[in-house]
PDB file of N, CA and C in Angstrom:
ATOM      1  N   MET A   1       0.946  -1.330  -0.014  1.00  0.00           N
ATOM      2  CA  MET A   1       0.277   0.024   0.146  1.00  0.00           C
ATOM      3  C   MET A   1       0.602   1.154  -0.135  1.00  0.00           C
ATOM      4  N   ILE A   2       0.465   1.965  -1.099  1.00  0.00           N
ATOM      5  CA  ILE A   2       1.077   3.217  -1.012  1.00  0.00           C
ATOM      6  C   ILE A   2       0.946   4.614  -0.484  1.00  0.00           C
ATOM      7  N   LEU A   3       1.743   5.399   1.130  1.00  0.00           N
ATOM      8  CA  LEU A   3       0.694   6.321   1.256  1.00  0.00           C
ATOM      9  C   LEU A   3       0.689   7.700   0.771  1.00  0.00           C
ATOM     10  N   THR A   4      -0.266   8.165   0.285  1.00  0.00           N
ATOM     11  CA  THR A   4       0.015   9.608  -0.538  1.00  0.00           C
ATOM     12  C   THR A   4       0.880  10.450   0.895  1.00  0.00           C
ATOM     13  N   LYS A   5       1.280  11.188   0.554  1.00  0.00           N
ATOM     14  CA  LYS A   5       1.807  12.464   1.033  1.00  0.00           C
ATOM     15  C   LYS A   5       1.056  12.922   2.723  1.00  0.00           C
ATOM     16  N   GLU A   6      -0.687  13.225   2.156  1.00  0.00           N
ATOM     17  CA  GLU A   6      -1.644  13.880   3.030  1.00  0.00           C
ATOM     18  C   GLU A   6      -1.614  12.396   3.987  1.00  0.00           C
ATOM     19  N   VAL A   7      -1.814  11.379   3.697  1.00  0.00           N
ATOM     20  CA  VAL A   7      -2.031  10.389   4.775  1.00  0.00           C
ATOM     21  C   VAL A   7      -0.936  10.324   5.917  1.00  0.00           C
ATOM     22  N   ARG A   8       0.165  10.062   5.516  1.00  0.00           N
ATOM     23  CA  ARG A   8       1.484  10.066   6.253  1.00  0.00           C
ATOM     24  C   ARG A   8       1.465  10.922   6.695  1.00  0.00           C
ATOM     25  N   ILE A   9       0.862  11.999   6.763  1.00  0.00           N
ATOM     26  CA  ILE A   9       0.796  13.582   7.381  1.00  0.00           C
ATOM     27  C   ILE A   9       0.015  13.208   8.480  1.00  0.00           C
ATOM     28  N   ALA A  10      -0.906  12.900   8.136  1.00  0.00           N
ATOM     29  CA  ALA A  10      -2.243  12.476   8.904  1.00  0.00           C
ATOM     30  C   ALA A  10      -1.709  11.213  10.269  1.00  0.00           C
ATOM     31  N   ARG A  11      -0.687  10.042   9.564  1.00  0.00           N
ATOM     32  CA  ARG A  11      -0.519   9.615  10.694  1.00  0.00           C
ATOM     33  C   ARG A  11       0.003   9.959  11.092  1.00  0.00           C
ATOM     34  N   HIS A  12       1.544  10.407  10.944  1.00  0.00           N
ATOM     35  CA  HIS A  12       2.322  11.283  11.480  1.00  0.00           C
ATOM     36  C   HIS A  12       1.403  11.572  13.271  1.00  0.00           C
ATOM     37  N   LYS A  13       0.821  12.734  12.608  1.00  0.00           N
ATOM     38  CA  LYS A  13      -0.050  13.798  13.434  1.00  0.00           C
ATOM     39  C   LYS A  13      -0.864  12.364  14.680  1.00  0.00           C
ATOM     40  N   ARG A  14      -1.625  12.159  13.774  1.00  0.00           N
ATOM     41  CA  ARG A  14      -1.808  10.599  15.063  1.00  0.00           C
ATOM     42  C   ARG A  14      -1.318  10.277  16.088  1.00  0.00           C
ATOM     43  N   PHE A  15      -0.055   9.465  15.578  1.00  0.00           N
ATOM     44  CA  PHE A  15       0.727   9.099  16.242  1.00  0.00           C
ATOM     45  C   PHE A  15       1.937   9.990  17.786  1.00  0.00           C
ATOM     46  N   LEU A  16       1.663  11.176  16.820  1.00  0.00           N
ATOM     47  CA  LEU A  16       2.380  11.999  17.843  1.00  0.00           C
ATOM     48  C   LEU A  16       1.552  12.340  18.894  1.00  0.00           C
ATOM     49  N   LYS A  17       0.005  12.823  18.555  1.00  0.00           N
ATOM     50  CA  LYS A  17      -0.479  13.207  19.337  1.00  0.00           C
ATOM     51  C   LYS A  17      -1.230  12.337  20.626  1.00  0.00           C
ATOM     52  N   SER A  18      -1.209  10.835  20.239  1.00  0.00           N
ATOM     53  CA  SER A  18      -1.735   9.695  21.154  1.00  0.00           C
ATOM     54  C   SER A  18      -0.979   9.070  21.645  1.00  0.00           C
ATOM     55  N   ASN A  19       0.866   9.690  21.477  1.00  0.00           N
ATOM     56  CA  ASN A  19       2.127   9.639  22.198  1.00  0.00           C
ATOM     57  C   ASN A  19       2.471  10.762  22.957  1.00  0.00           C
ATOM     58  N   GLU A  20       2.040  11.928  22.879  1.00  0.00           N
ATOM     59  CA  GLU A  20       2.324  13.286  23.175  1.00  0.00           C
ATOM     60  C   GLU A  20       3.220  13.065  24.689  1.00  0.00           C
ATOM     61  N   HIS A  21       2.643  12.949  25.760  1.00  0.00           N
ATOM     62  CA  HIS A  21       3.251  12.608  26.932  1.00  0.00           C
ATOM     63  C   HIS A  21       4.248  11.531  26.960  1.00  0.00           C
ATOM     64  N   SER A  22       4.241  10.128  26.409  1.00  0.00           N
ATOM     65  CA  SER A  22       5.873  10.053  26.669  1.00  0.00           C
ATOM     66  C   SER A  22       6.622  10.310  25.789  1.00  0.00           C
ATOM     67  N   ILE A  23       6.210  10.935  24.539  1.00  0.00           N
ATOM     68  CA  ILE A  23       7.411  11.640  23.515  1.00  0.00           C
ATOM     69  C   ILE A  23       7.937  12.978  24.514  1.00  0.00           C
ATOM     70  N   SER A  24       6.968  13.194  25.530  1.00  0.00           N
ATOM     71  CA  SER A  24       7.696  14.363  25.575  1.00  0.00           C
ATOM     72  C   SER A  24       8.565  14.377  26.862  1.00  0.00           C
ATOM     73  N   ALA A  25       7.887  13.329  27.566  1.00  0.00           N
ATOM     74  CA  ALA A  25       9.081  12.985  28.814  1.00  0.00           C
ATOM     75  C   ALA A  25      10.349  12.213  28.091  1.00  0.00           C
ATOM     76  N   TYR A  26      10.214  11.792  27.228  1.00  0.00           N
ATOM     77  CA  TYR A  26      11.512  11.272  26.647  1.00  0.00           C
ATOM     78  C   TYR A  26      11.978  12.374  26.518  1.00  0.00           C
ATOM     79  N   ALA A  27      11.411  13.433  25.460  1.00  0.00           N
ATOM     80  CA  ALA A  27      12.276  15.068  24.923  1.00  0.00           C
ATOM     81  C   ALA A  27      12.959  15.516  26.621  1.00  0.00           C
ATOM     82  N   TRP A  28      12.177  15.940  27.827  1.00  0.00           N
ATOM     83  CA  TRP A  28      12.398  16.404  28.897  1.00  0.00           C
ATOM     84  C   TRP A  28      13.774  15.568  29.428  1.00  0.00           C
ATOM     85  N   GLU A  29      13.334  14.231  29.403  1.00  0.00           N
ATOM     86  CA  GLU A  29      14.724  13.581  30.163  1.00  0.00           C
ATOM     87  C   GLU A  29      16.201  14.172  29.186  1.00  0.00           C
ATOM     88  N   ASN A  30      15.935  13.699  27.775  1.00  0.00           N
ATOM     89  CA  ASN A  30      17.236  14.166  26.727  1.00  0.00           C
ATOM     90  C   ASN A  30      17.724  15.648  26.951  1.00  0.00           C
ATOM     91  N   PHE A  31      16.925  16.755  27.285  1.00  0.00           N
ATOM     92  CA  PHE A  31      17.079  18.060  27.374  1.00  0.00           C
ATOM     93  C   PHE A  31      18.012  18.418  28.613  1.00  0.00           C
ATOM     94  N   LEU A  32      17.511  17.501  29.167  1.00  0.00           N
ATOM     95  CA  LEU A  32      18.081  17.918  31.059  1.00  0.00           C
ATOM     96  C   LEU A  32      19.375  16.738  30.976  1.00  0.00           C
ATOM     97  N   ALA A  33      19.932  16.454  30.062  1.00  0.00           N
ATOM     98  CA  ALA A  33      20.753  15.574  30.030  1.00  0.00           C
ATOM     99  C   ALA A  33      22.010  16.030  28.781  1.00  0.00           C
ATOM    100  N   LYS A  34      21.338  16.794  27.237  1.00  0.00           N
ATOM    101  CA  LYS A  34      21.942  16.725  26.430  1.00  0.00           C
ATOM    102  C   LYS A  34      22.379  19.010  26.197  1.00  0.00           C
ATOM    103  N   GLY A  35      20.853  19.242  26.689  1.00  0.00           N
ATOM    104  CA  GLY A  35      20.560  20.210  26.253  1.00  0.00           C
ATOM    105  C   GLY A  35      19.098  20.400  25.029  1.00  0.00           C
ATOM    106  N   LYS A  36      19.049  21.663  24.393  1.00  0.00           N
ATOM    107  CA  LYS A  36      18.401  21.654  23.786  1.00  0.00           C
ATOM    108  C   LYS A  36      17.842  20.814  22.333  1.00  0.00           C
ATOM    109  N   GLY A  37      17.352  20.328  21.745  1.00  0.00           N
ATOM    110  CA  GLY A  37      17.185  19.382  20.467  1.00  0.00           C
ATOM    111  C   GLY A  37      16.112  18.540  19.910  1.00  0.00           C
ATOM    112  N   MET A  38      16.105  17.709  19.037  1.00  0.00           N
ATOM    113  CA  MET A  38      14.729  17.167  18.499  1.00  0.00           C
ATOM    114  C   MET A  38      14.976  15.632  18.849  1.00  0.00           C
ATOM    115  N   VAL A  39      13.638  15.521  18.911  1.00  0.00           N
ATOM    116  CA  VAL A  39      13.429  14.280  18.895  1.00  0.00           C
ATOM    117  C   VAL A  39      13.514  12.889  17.466  1.00  0.00           C
ATOM    118  N   ILE A  40      13.862  12.304  17.721  1.00  0.00           N
ATOM    119  CA  ILE A  40      13.540  11.389  16.044  1.00  0.00           C
ATOM    120  C   ILE A  40      13.228  10.118  16.229  1.00  0.00           C
ATOM    121  N   VAL A  41      12.367  10.299  15.298  1.00  0.00           N
ATOM    122  CA  VAL A  41      11.286   8.831  15.093  1.00  0.00           C
ATOM    123  C   VAL A  41      11.604   8.519  13.865  1.00  0.00           C
ATOM    124  N   ILE A  42      11.958   7.097  13.940  1.00  0.00           N
ATOM    125  CA  ILE A  42      11.461   6.723  12.524  1.00  0.00           C
ATOM    126  C   ILE A  42      10.221   6.103  11.881  1.00  0.00           C
ATOM    127  N   GLU A  43       9.948   6.449  10.831  1.00  0.00           N
ATOM    128  CA  GLU A  43       8.899   6.661  10.056  1.00  0.00           C
ATOM    129  C   GLU A  43       7.585   5.021  10.513  1.00  0.00           C
ATOM    130  N   SER A  44       8.442   4.388   9.385  1.00  0.00           N
ATOM    131  CA  SER A  44       8.613   2.846   9.417  1.00  0.00           C
ATOM    132  C   SER A  44       7.936   2.089  10.864  1.00  0.00           C
ATOM    133  N   ASP A  45       8.271   2.707  11.723  1.00  0.00           N
ATOM    134  CA  ASP A  45       8.207   1.984  13.416  1.00  0.00           C
ATOM    135  C   ASP A  45       6.409   2.217  13.309  1.00  0.00           C
ATOM    136  N   PHE A  46       5.599   2.778  12.904  1.00  0.00           N
ATOM    137  CA  PHE A  46       4.448   3.378  13.248  1.00  0.00           C
ATOM    138  C   PHE A  46       3.602   3.478  11.711  1.00  0.00           C
ATOM    139  N   VAL A  47       3.797   4.059  11.274  1.00  0.00           N
ATOM    140  CA  VAL A  47       3.277   4.641   9.693  1.00  0.00           C
ATOM    141  C   VAL A  47       2.035   3.312   9.550  1.00  0.00           C
ATOM    142  N   ARG A  48       2.127   2.475   9.376  1.00  0.00           N
ATOM    143  CA  ARG A  48       1.476   1.515   8.820  1.00  0.00           C
ATOM    144  C   ARG A  48       0.557   0.694   9.651  1.00  0.00           C
ATOM    145  N   THR A  49       0.507   1.495  11.159  1.00  0.00           N
ATOM    146  CA  THR A  49      -0.060   0.743  11.974  1.00  0.00           C
ATOM    147  C   THR A  49      -1.365   1.622  12.465  1.00  0.00           C
ATOM    148  N   ASP A  50      -2.429   1.832  12.909  1.00  0.00           N
ATOM    149  CA  ASP A  50      -3.159   2.099  13.879  1.00  0.00           C
ATOM    150  C   ASP A  50      -2.893   2.133  15.675  1.00  0.00           C
ATOM    151  N   LYS A  51      -2.471   1.343  16.372  1.00  0.00           N
ATOM    152  CA  LYS A  51      -1.904   1.286  17.795  1.00  0.00           C
ATOM    153  C   LYS A  51      -0.462   0.776  17.598  1.00  0.00           C
ATOM    154  N   PRO A  52       0.576   1.571  17.163  1.00  0.00           N
ATOM    155  CA  PRO A  52       1.660   1.255  17.407  1.00  0.00           C
ATOM    156  C   PRO A  52       2.204   0.729  18.960  1.00  0.00           C
ATOM    157  N   ASN A  53       3.023  -0.316  18.910  1.00  0.00           N
ATOM    158  CA  ASN A  53       3.817  -0.771  20.379  1.00  0.00           C
ATOM    159  C   ASN A  53       5.363   0.303  20.398  1.00  0.00           C
ATOM    160  N   LEU A  54       5.027   1.202  21.455  1.00  0.00           N
ATOM    161  CA  LEU A  54       5.776   2.181  21.398  1.00  0.00           C
ATOM    162  C   LEU A  54       7.325   1.817  21.754  1.00  0.00           C
ATOM    163  N   LEU A  55       6.994   0.233  22.445  1.00  0.00           N
ATOM    164  CA  LEU A  55       8.475  -0.436  23.194  1.00  0.00           C
ATOM    165  C   LEU A  55       8.853  -0.736  21.969  1.00  0.00           C
ATOM    166  N   LYS A  56       8.451  -0.774  20.201  1.00  0.00           N
ATOM    167  CA  LYS A  56       9.148  -1.227  18.929  1.00  0.00           C
ATOM    168  C   LYS A  56       9.583   0.173  18.038  1.00  0.00           C
ATOM    169  N   VAL A  57       8.964   1.521  18.532  1.00  0.00           N
ATOM    170  CA  VAL A  57       9.241   2.779  17.731  1.00  0.00           C
ATOM    171  C   VAL A  57      10.861   3.162  18.222  1.00  0.00           C
ATOM    172  N   ARG A  58      11.466   2.850  17.610  1.00  0.00           N
ATOM    173  CA  ARG A  58      12.661   3.891  17.685  1.00  0.00           C
ATOM    174  C   ARG A  58      13.053   5.193  17.246  1.00  0.00           C
ATOM    175  N   PHE A  59      13.476   5.802  18.984  1.00  0.00           N
ATOM    176  CA  PHE A  59      13.737   6.958  19.079  1.00  0.00           C
ATOM    177  C   PHE A  59      15.114   7.314  18.949  1.00  0.00           C
ATOM    178  N   GLY A  60      15.642   8.446  19.437  1.00  0.00           N
ATOM    179  CA  GLY A  60      16.696   9.294  19.226  1.00  0.00           C
ATOM    180  C   GLY A  60      16.956  10.702  19.808  1.00  0.00           C
ATOM    181  N   TYR A  61      17.203  11.233  20.197  1.00  0.00           N
ATOM    182  CA  TYR A  61      17.295  12.704  20.554  1.00  0.00           C
ATOM    183  C   TYR A  61      18.750  13.267  19.608  1.00  0.00           C
ATOM    184  N   ALA A  62      18.975  14.319  19.010  1.00  0.00           N
ATOM    185  CA  ALA A  62      19.506  15.020  18.335  1.00  0.00           C
ATOM    186  C   ALA A  62      19.945  16.123  18.901  1.00  0.00           C
ATOM    187  N   ILE A  63      20.983  17.053  19.066  1.00  0.00           N
ATOM    188  CA  ILE A  63      21.400  17.776  19.296  1.00  0.00           C
ATOM    189  C   ILE A  63      22.225  18.667  18.616  1.00  0.00           C
ATOM    190  N   LYS A  64      22.010  19.577  18.204  1.00  0.00           N
ATOM    191  CA  LYS A  64      22.836  20.515  17.020  1.00  0.00           C
ATOM    192  C   LYS A  64      24.992  19.784  17.211  1.00  0.00           C
ATOM    193  N   GLY A  65      25.657  19.932  16.213  1.00  0.00           N
ATOM    194  CA  GLY A  65      26.681  19.589  16.413  1.00  0.00           C
ATOM    195  C   GLY A  65      27.064  18.058  16.520  1.00  0.00           C
ATOM    196  N   CYS A  66      25.993  16.978  17.512  1.00  0.00           N
ATOM    197  CA  CYS A  66      26.026  15.320  17.076  1.00  0.00           C
ATOM    198  C   CYS A  66      26.628  15.349  15.613  1.00  0.00           C
ATOM    199  N   SER A  67      26.486  13.755  15.823  1.00  0.00           N
ATOM    200  CA  SER A  67      27.060  12.948  14.946  1.00  0.00           C
ATOM    201  C   SER A  67      25.878  12.478  14.388  1.00  0.00           C
ATOM    202  N   LEU A  68      24.382  12.207  15.314  1.00  0.00           N
ATOM    203  CA  LEU A  68      23.162  11.868  14.698  1.00  0.00           C
ATOM    204  C   LEU A  68      22.692  13.051  13.855  1.00  0.00           C
ATOM    205  N   MET A  69      22.667  14.191  14.325  1.00  0.00           N
ATOM    206  CA  MET A  69      22.228  15.331  14.168  1.00  0.00           C
ATOM    207  C   MET A  69      22.765  15.673  12.446  1.00  0.00           C
ATOM    208  N   GLU A  70      24.455  15.393  12.125  1.00  0.00           N
ATOM    209  CA  GLU A  70      25.245  15.697  11.132  1.00  0.00           C
ATOM    210  C   GLU A  70      24.569  14.767  10.140  1.00  0.00           C
ATOM    211  N   ARG A  71      24.146  13.327  10.964  1.00  0.00           N
ATOM    212  CA  ARG A  71      24.006  12.847   9.262  1.00  0.00           C
ATOM    213  C   ARG A  71      22.308  13.117   8.839  1.00  0.00           C
ATOM    214  N   ILE A  72      21.352  13.611   9.607  1.00  0.00           N
ATOM    215  CA  ILE A  72      20.244  13.151   9.331  1.00  0.00           C
ATOM    216  C   ILE A  72      20.108  15.112   8.761  1.00  0.00           C
ATOM    217  N   SER A  73      20.481  15.812   9.063  1.00  0.00           N
ATOM    218  CA  SER A  73      20.525  17.430   8.765  1.00  0.00           C
ATOM    219  C   SER A  73      20.538  17.863   7.174  1.00  0.00           C
ATOM    220  N   THR A  74      20.909  17.318   6.462  1.00  0.00           N
ATOM    221  CA  THR A  74      20.224  17.004   4.720  1.00  0.00           C
ATOM    222  C   THR A  74      19.158  16.558   4.733  1.00  0.00           C
ATOM    223  N   GLU A  75      18.486  15.949   5.836  1.00  0.00           N
ATOM    224  CA  GLU A  75      16.991  15.500   4.944  1.00  0.00           C
ATOM    225  C   GLU A  75      15.817  16.602   5.777  1.00  0.00           C
ATOM    226  N   PHE A  76      16.647  17.858   6.502  1.00  0.00           N
ATOM    227  CA  PHE A  76      15.006  18.366   6.530  1.00  0.00           C
ATOM    228  C   PHE A  76      15.460  19.722   5.786  1.00  0.00           C
ATOM    229  N   ASP A  77      14.563  20.601   5.517  1.00  0.00           N
ATOM    230  CA  ASP A  77      14.793  21.887   4.764  1.00  0.00           C
ATOM    231  C   ASP A  77      14.981  23.035   5.803  1.00  0.00           C
ATOM    232  N   GLY A  78      15.635  23.084   7.077  1.00  0.00           N
ATOM    233  CA  GLY A  78      15.783  24.350   7.666  1.00  0.00           C
ATOM    234  C   GLY A  78      15.499  24.908   8.420  1.00  0.00           C
ATOM    235  N   LEU A  79      14.234  24.802   8.596  1.00  0.00           N
ATOM    236  CA  LEU A  79      12.907  25.324   9.393  1.00  0.00           C
ATOM    237  C   LEU A  79      13.188  24.767  10.847  1.00  0.00           C
ATOM    238  N   GLU A  80      13.325  23.061  10.995  1.00  0.00           N
ATOM    239  CA  GLU A  80      13.693  23.050  12.230  1.00  0.00           C
ATOM    240  C   GLU A  80      14.837  23.671  12.762  1.00  0.00           C
ATOM    241  N   TRP A  81      16.062  24.163  12.483  1.00  0.00           N
ATOM    242  CA  TRP A  81      17.037  24.801  12.881  1.00  0.00           C
ATOM    243  C   TRP A  81      16.310  25.944  13.862  1.00  0.00           C
ATOM    244  N   GLU A  82      15.620  26.890  13.189  1.00  0.00           N
ATOM    245  CA  GLU A  82      15.104  27.992  13.567  1.00  0.00           C
ATOM    246  C   GLU A  82      13.828  27.575  14.825  1.00  0.00           C
ATOM    247  N   TRP A  83      12.957  26.869  14.887  1.00  0.00           N
ATOM    248  CA  TRP A  83      12.781  26.184  15.936  1.00  0.00           C
ATOM    249  C   TRP A  83      13.534  25.872  17.427  1.00  0.00           C
ATOM    250  N   LEU A  84      14.440  25.175  16.895  1.00  0.00           N
ATOM    251  CA  LEU A  84      15.854  24.759  17.758  1.00  0.00           C
ATOM    252  C   LEU A  84      16.213  25.557  18.343  1.00  0.00           C
ATOM    253  N   GLU A  85      16.608  26.759  18.031  1.00  0.00           N
ATOM    254  CA  GLU A  85      17.033  27.732  18.551  1.00  0.00           C
ATOM    255  C   GLU A  85      15.797  28.509  19.361  1.00  0.00           C
ATOM    256  N   ALA A  86      14.769  28.312  18.993  1.00  0.00           N
ATOM    257  CA  ALA A  86      13.501  29.431  19.885  1.00  0.00           C
ATOM    258  C   ALA A  86      12.706  28.433  20.574  1.00  0.00           C
ATOM    259  N   TYR A  87      12.749  27.288  20.612  1.00  0.00           N
ATOM    260  CA  TYR A  87      11.498  26.127  21.278  1.00  0.00           C
ATOM    261  C   TYR A  87      11.549  27.010  22.856  1.00  0.00           C
ATOM    262  N   ASP A  88      10.913  27.054  23.414  1.00  0.00           N
ATOM    263  CA  ASP A  88      10.975  26.337  24.943  1.00  0.00           C
ATOM    264  C   ASP A  88      10.362  24.694  25.559  1.00  0.00           C
ATOM    265  N   PRO A  89      12.219  24.567  25.468  1.00  0.00           N
ATOM    266  CA  PRO A  89      11.676  22.497  25.988  1.00  0.00           C
ATOM    267  C   PRO A  89      10.720  22.347  27.044  1.00  0.00           C
ATOM    268  N   ASP A  90      10.436  23.037  27.740  1.00  0.00           N
ATOM    269  CA  ASP A  90       9.149  22.769  29.023  1.00  0.00           C
ATOM    270  C   ASP A  90       7.711  23.057  28.736  1.00  0.00           C
ATOM    271  N   GLU A  91       7.588  23.514  27.097  1.00  0.00           N
ATOM    272  CA  GLU A  91       6.348  23.781  26.877  1.00  0.00           C
ATOM    273  C   GLU A  91       6.031  23.339  25.434  1.00  0.00           C
ATOM    274  N   GLN A  92       7.276  22.932  24.523  1.00  0.00           N
ATOM    275  CA  GLN A  92       7.035  22.861  23.062  1.00  0.00           C
ATOM    276  C   GLN A  92       8.310  21.274  22.706  1.00  0.00           C
ATOM    277  N   MET A  93       8.135  21.020  22.299  1.00  0.00           N
ATOM    278  CA  MET A  93       9.119  19.782  21.506  1.00  0.00           C
ATOM    279  C   MET A  93       9.245  19.648  20.257  1.00  0.00           C
ATOM    280  N   ILE A  94      10.054  19.257  19.847  1.00  0.00           N
ATOM    281  CA  ILE A  94      10.598  18.947  18.360  1.00  0.00           C
ATOM    282  C   ILE A  94      10.671  17.670  17.600  1.00  0.00           C
ATOM    283  N   VAL A  95       9.950  17.035  16.852  1.00  0.00           N
ATOM    284  CA  VAL A  95      10.345  16.008  16.589  1.00  0.00           C
ATOM    285  C   VAL A  95      10.284  15.566  15.191  1.00  0.00           C
ATOM    286  N   LEU A  96      11.068  14.904  14.658  1.00  0.00           N
ATOM    287  CA  LEU A  96      11.948  15.087  13.345  1.00  0.00           C
ATOM    288  C   LEU A  96      11.209  13.328  12.853  1.00  0.00           C
ATOM    289  N   VAL A  97      10.414  13.251  12.004  1.00  0.00           N
ATOM    290  CA  VAL A  97      10.055  11.769  11.166  1.00  0.00           C
ATOM    291  C   VAL A  97      11.013  11.735   9.836  1.00  0.00           C
ATOM    292  N   ILE A  98      11.940  10.540  10.279  1.00  0.00           N
ATOM    293  CA  ILE A  98      12.645  10.110   9.355  1.00  0.00           C
ATOM    294  C   ILE A  98      11.647   8.950   8.470  1.00  0.00           C
ATOM    295  N   ARG A  99      11.612   9.551   7.164  1.00  0.00           N
ATOM    296  CA  ARG A  99      10.802   8.589   6.643  1.00  0.00           C
ATOM    297  C   ARG A  99      11.783   7.640   5.890  1.00  0.00           C
ATOM    298  N   PRO A 100      11.264   6.050   5.221  1.00  0.00           N
ATOM    299  CA  PRO A 100      12.311   5.279   4.731  1.00  0.00           C
ATOM    300  C   PRO A 100      13.010   6.021   3.043  1.00  0.00           C
ATOM    301  N   GLU A 101      12.778   7.023   2.763  1.00  0.00           N
ATOM    302  CA  GLU A 101      13.030   7.104   1.482  1.00  0.00           C
ATOM    303  C   GLU A 101      13.898   8.103   1.810  1.00  0.00           C
ATOM    304  N   PHE A 102      14.093   8.269   2.536  1.00  0.00           N
ATOM    305  CA  PHE A 102      15.224   9.327   3.325  1.00  0.00           C
ATOM    306  C   PHE A 102      15.288  10.697   3.123  1.00  0.00           C
ATOM    307  N   GLY A 103      14.065  10.999   3.694  1.00  0.00           N
ATOM    308  CA  GLY A 103      13.220  12.372   4.141  1.00  0.00           C
ATOM    309  C   GLY A 103      13.171  12.613   5.364  1.00  0.00           C
ATOM    310  N   ALA A 104      12.854  13.802   5.738  1.00  0.00           N
ATOM    311  CA  ALA A 104      11.898  14.411   7.522  1.00  0.00           C
ATOM    312  C   ALA A 104      10.751  14.913   6.898  1.00  0.00           C
ATOM    313  N   SER A 105       9.786  14.803   8.128  1.00  0.00           N
ATOM    314  CA  SER A 105       9.284  15.930   8.392  1.00  0.00           C
ATOM    315  C   SER A 105       9.105  16.545   9.855  1.00  0.00           C
ATOM    316  N   GLY A 106       8.819  17.445   9.891  1.00  0.00           N
ATOM    317  CA  GLY A 106       9.465  17.944  11.313  1.00  0.00           C
ATOM    318  C   GLY A 106       7.965  18.729  12.140  1.00  0.00           C
ATOM    319  N   TYR A 107       7.974  18.364  13.233  1.00  0.00           N
ATOM    320  CA  TYR A 107       7.183  19.067  13.945  1.00  0.00           C
ATOM    321  C   TYR A 107       7.398  19.570  15.089  1.00  0.00           C
ATOM    322  N   LEU A 108       7.195  21.042  15.257  1.00  0.00           N
ATOM    323  CA  LEU A 108       7.008  21.926  16.297  1.00  0.00           C
ATOM    324  C   LEU A 108       5.731  21.856  17.359  1.00  0.00           C
ATOM    325  N   ILE A 109       5.671  21.256  18.100  1.00  0.00           N
ATOM    326  CA  ILE A 109       4.292  20.958  19.038  1.00  0.00           C
ATOM    327  C   ILE A 109       4.384  21.410  20.282  1.00  0.00           C
ATOM    328  N   ASP A 110       3.522  21.758  20.769  1.00  0.00           N
ATOM    329  CA  ASP A 110       3.005  22.997  22.029  1.00  0.00           C
ATOM    330  C   ASP A 110       2.171  21.463  22.787  1.00  0.00           C
ATOM    331  N   CYS A 111       2.972  21.270  24.122  1.00  0.00           N
ATOM    332  CA  CYS A 111       2.683  20.349  24.886  1.00  0.00           C
ATOM    333  C   CYS A 111       1.236  20.711  25.334  1.00  0.00           C
ATOM    334  N   ASP A 112       0.542  19.498  25.537  1.00  0.00           N
ATOM    335  CA  ASP A 112      -0.629  19.943  26.083  1.00  0.00           C
ATOM    336  C   ASP A 112      -0.318  19.824  28.197  1.00  0.00           C
ATOM    337  N   VAL A 113       0.839  18.523  28.397  1.00  0.00           N
ATOM    338  CA  VAL A 113       1.220  18.852  29.827  1.00  0.00           C
ATOM    339  C   VAL A 113       2.764  19.163  29.606  1.00  0.00           C
ATOM    340  N   LYS A 114       3.217  20.008  30.293  1.00  0.00           N
ATOM    341  CA  LYS A 114       4.712  20.699  30.472  1.00  0.00           C
ATOM    342  C   LYS A 114       5.406  19.070  30.573  1.00  0.00           C
ATOM    343  N   PRO A 115       6.570  19.486  29.574  1.00  0.00           N
ATOM    344  CA  PRO A 115       7.487  17.781  29.481  1.00  0.00           C
ATOM    345  C   PRO A 115       7.735  17.323  30.695  1.00  0.00           C
ATOM    346  N   SER A 116       8.298  18.400  31.589  1.00  0.00           N
ATOM    347  CA  SER A 116       9.010  18.267  32.982  1.00  0.00           C
ATOM    348  C   SER A 116       7.368  17.444  33.883  1.00  0.00           C
ATOM    349  N   GLN A 117       6.674  17.989  33.706  1.00  0.00           N
ATOM    350  CA  GLN A 117       5.485  16.520  34.527  1.00  0.00           C
ATOM    351  C   GLN A 117       5.719  15.692  33.686  1.00  0.00           C
ATOM    352  N   ALA A 118       4.957  15.655  32.702  1.00  0.00           N
ATOM    353  CA  ALA A 118       5.185  14.457  31.713  1.00  0.00           C
ATOM    354  C   ALA A 118       6.257  13.496  32.178  1.00  0.00           C
ATOM    355  N   TYR A 119       7.358  13.797  32.845  1.00  0.00           N
ATOM    356  CA  TYR A 119       9.195  13.071  32.833  1.00  0.00           C
ATOM    357  C   TYR A 119       8.660  13.707  34.257  1.00  0.00           C
ATOM    358  N   ALA A 120       8.151  13.515  34.563  1.00  0.00           N
ATOM    359  CA  ALA A 120       7.807  13.324  36.436  1.00  0.00           C
ATOM    360  C   ALA A 120       6.571  12.171  36.791  1.00  0.00           C
ATOM    361  N   MET A 121       5.961  12.575  35.810  1.00  0.00           N
ATOM    362  CA  MET A 121       4.474  11.522  35.746  1.00  0.00           C
ATOM    363  C   MET A 121       5.166  10.002  35.433  1.00  0.00           C
ATOM    364  N   GLN A 122       6.149  10.226  34.368  1.00  0.00           N
ATOM    365  CA  GLN A 122       6.169   8.908  34.103  1.00  0.00           C
ATOM    366  C   GLN A 122       7.111   8.028  35.135  1.00  0.00           C
ATOM    367  N   MET A 123       8.297   8.665  35.507  1.00  0.00           N
ATOM    368  CA  MET A 123       8.801   8.258  36.944  1.00  0.00           C
ATOM    369  C   MET A 123       8.382   7.952  37.809  1.00  0.00           C
ATOM    370  N   ALA A 124       7.291   8.519  38.314  1.00  0.00           N
ATOM    371  CA  ALA A 124       6.351   8.076  39.218  1.00  0.00           C
ATOM    372  C   ALA A 124       6.029   6.914  39.150  1.00  0.00           C
ATOM    373  N   LYS A 125       5.689   6.263  37.842  1.00  0.00           N
ATOM    374  CA  LYS A 125       5.024   5.076  37.227  1.00  0.00           C
ATOM    375  C   LYS A 125       5.945   3.822  37.695  1.00  0.00           C
ATOM    376  N   PHE A 126       7.188   4.414  37.981  1.00  0.00           N
ATOM    377  CA  PHE A 126       8.399   2.966  37.992  1.00  0.00           C
ATOM    378  C   PHE A 126       8.595   3.143  39.754  1.00  0.00           C
ATOM    379  N   ASN A 127       8.150   3.916  39.993  1.00  0.00           N
ATOM    380  CA  ASN A 127       9.212   4.154  41.954  1.00  0.00           C
ATOM    381  C   ASN A 127       7.668   3.619  42.589  1.00  0.00           C
TER     382      ASN A 127
END
């Protein structure tokens, strides 16, 4: 099944919205450890299913100047660089969805729950 651009974007947005708290907690944890960056998600891990298993979705976190960012920076159009400089890590997150044909879709997401709070709630589950 070939996915049109519109269907892909709709599936990206649905995945990001339904997993916002988990992804923003991951973003906050990495922000604390590494600084401002982008959450990286591999599209093929979720785009063809309605309810992806998050344990099987590959996540990464890239900051400016890291080797991962160097490898993927040619895949997006530059708007993400502007977001990276200006976003508030405790209000927003940047997610870059890497497509199999070596392209990327970037999303600047205003979080419903502060990433620091999502992280605290996630850590409370494990204690």
